Amino acid sequence: MIYKSLKWEIQSVSGINDRGQIIGTAEHNGHQCVFLLSPETLKTK
């Protein structure tokens, strides 16, 4: 989850791997950045 209050604007998504990680580009406070989003692991009982 990306919170609006953090002021990230996702511009493009380039890919997703077998781990469910997503890579792309975004703008944060006027700066072009790359990002890697990783899913939270699910805990099972």
N, C-alpha and C. Protein backbone atom coordinates (compact mmCIF):
# COMPACT_ATOMS: atom_id res chain seq x y z
N MET A 1 0.84 -1.16 0.00
CA MET A 1 0.00 0.00 0.00
C MET A 1 0.89 1.24 0.00
N ILE A 2 0.57 2.18 -0.85
CA ILE A 2 1.28 3.45 -0.88
C ILE A 2 0.29 4.52 -0.42
N TYR A 3 0.64 5.21 0.64
CA TYR A 3 -0.25 6.23 1.18
C TYR A 3 -0.12 7.53 0.42
N LYS A 4 -1.26 8.16 0.12
CA LYS A 4 -1.26 9.44 -0.60
C LYS A 4 -0.44 10.50 0.12
N SER A 5 -0.44 10.46 1.44
CA SER A 5 0.29 11.47 2.22
C SER A 5 1.80 11.42 1.98
N LEU A 6 2.31 10.31 1.44
CA LEU A 6 3.74 10.20 1.14
C LEU A 6 4.12 10.89 -0.16
N LYS A 7 3.12 11.26 -0.95
CA LYS A 7 3.28 12.05 -2.18
C LYS A 7 4.14 11.36 -3.25
N TRP A 8 3.94 10.06 -3.42
CA TRP A 8 4.56 9.33 -4.52
C TRP A 8 3.55 9.29 -5.67
N GLU A 9 4.00 9.56 -6.89
CA GLU A 9 3.15 9.46 -8.07
C GLU A 9 3.78 8.43 -9.01
N ILE A 10 3.16 7.26 -9.08
CA ILE A 10 3.68 6.20 -9.94
C ILE A 10 3.45 6.60 -11.40
N GLN A 11 4.52 6.55 -12.19
CA GLN A 11 4.44 6.94 -13.59
C GLN A 11 4.39 5.74 -14.52
N SER A 12 5.16 4.70 -14.20
CA SER A 12 5.12 3.50 -15.04
C SER A 12 5.55 2.29 -14.23
N VAL A 13 5.10 1.13 -14.67
CA VAL A 13 5.49 -0.14 -14.09
C VAL A 13 6.20 -0.92 -15.19
N SER A 14 7.42 -1.39 -14.88
CA SER A 14 8.23 -2.05 -15.90
C SER A 14 8.16 -3.57 -15.86
N GLY A 15 7.89 -4.13 -14.67
CA GLY A 15 7.85 -5.58 -14.61
C GLY A 15 7.49 -6.09 -13.23
N ILE A 16 7.28 -7.40 -13.20
CA ILE A 16 6.98 -8.11 -11.96
C ILE A 16 7.71 -9.44 -12.01
N ASN A 17 8.30 -9.84 -10.89
CA ASN A 17 9.06 -11.09 -10.88
C ASN A 17 8.29 -12.21 -10.18
N ASP A 18 8.93 -13.38 -10.07
CA ASP A 18 8.29 -14.56 -9.47
C ASP A 18 7.98 -14.38 -7.98
N ARG A 19 8.64 -13.42 -7.34
CA ARG A 19 8.39 -13.14 -5.92
C ARG A 19 7.24 -12.15 -5.72
N GLY A 20 6.69 -11.65 -6.83
CA GLY A 20 5.61 -10.69 -6.75
C GLY A 20 6.08 -9.26 -6.58
N GLN A 21 7.39 -9.03 -6.72
CA GLN A 21 7.94 -7.69 -6.61
C GLN A 21 7.68 -6.93 -7.91
N ILE A 22 7.36 -5.65 -7.76
CA ILE A 22 7.04 -4.79 -8.91
C ILE A 22 8.07 -3.69 -8.98
N ILE A 23 8.62 -3.45 -10.20
CA ILE A 23 9.59 -2.38 -10.41
C ILE A 23 9.01 -1.36 -11.37
N GLY A 24 9.33 -0.11 -11.13
CA GLY A 24 8.82 0.93 -12.01
C GLY A 24 9.46 2.28 -11.71
N THR A 25 8.89 3.33 -12.29
CA THR A 25 9.36 4.69 -12.06
C THR A 25 8.25 5.50 -11.41
N ALA A 26 8.67 6.49 -10.64
CA ALA A 26 7.72 7.34 -9.94
C ALA A 26 8.34 8.71 -9.73
N GLU A 27 7.50 9.64 -9.33
CA GLU A 27 7.98 10.97 -8.96
C GLU A 27 7.68 11.19 -7.49
N HIS A 28 8.67 11.71 -6.77
CA HIS A 28 8.52 11.97 -5.34
C HIS A 28 9.14 13.33 -5.05
N ASN A 29 8.32 14.25 -4.58
CA ASN A 29 8.77 15.62 -4.28
C ASN A 29 9.52 16.24 -5.45
N GLY A 30 9.01 16.01 -6.66
CA GLY A 30 9.59 16.62 -7.86
C GLY A 30 10.80 15.90 -8.42
N HIS A 31 11.18 14.76 -7.85
CA HIS A 31 12.35 14.01 -8.32
C HIS A 31 11.91 12.69 -8.95
N GLN A 32 12.52 12.36 -10.10
CA GLN A 32 12.27 11.10 -10.77
C GLN A 32 12.99 10.00 -10.00
N CYS A 33 12.30 8.91 -9.69
CA CYS A 33 12.87 7.81 -8.91
C CYS A 33 12.47 6.48 -9.52
N VAL A 34 13.23 5.44 -9.19
CA VAL A 34 12.81 4.08 -9.49
C VAL A 34 12.34 3.46 -8.17
N PHE A 35 11.48 2.47 -8.25
CA PHE A 35 10.99 1.83 -7.04
C PHE A 35 10.92 0.33 -7.21
N LEU A 36 10.95 -0.36 -6.09
CA LEU A 36 10.75 -1.80 -6.03
C LEU A 36 9.75 -2.04 -4.91
N LEU A 37 8.56 -2.49 -5.27
CA LEU A 37 7.53 -2.81 -4.29
C LEU A 37 7.56 -4.31 -4.02
N SER A 38 7.58 -4.67 -2.75
CA SER A 38 7.60 -6.08 -2.35
C SER A 38 6.33 -6.38 -1.57
N PRO A 39 5.69 -7.49 -1.88
CA PRO A 39 4.47 -7.85 -1.14
C PRO A 39 4.80 -8.26 0.30
N GLU A 40 3.88 -8.00 1.19
CA GLU A 40 4.04 -8.48 2.56
C GLU A 40 3.84 -9.99 2.55
N THR A 41 4.56 -10.67 3.41
CA THR A 41 4.37 -12.12 3.49
C THR A 41 3.12 -12.40 4.33
N LEU A 42 2.38 -13.40 3.96
CA LEU A 42 1.20 -13.79 4.70
C LEU A 42 1.57 -14.79 5.77
N LYS A 43 1.10 -14.55 6.97
CA LYS A 43 1.36 -15.50 8.06
C LYS A 43 0.23 -16.51 8.11
N THR A 44 0.59 -17.77 8.16
CA THR A 44 -0.42 -18.82 8.27
C THR A 44 -0.32 -19.48 9.63
N LYS A 45 -1.42 -20.01 10.10
CA LYS A 45 -1.42 -20.67 11.42
C LYS A 45 -0.95 -22.10 11.31
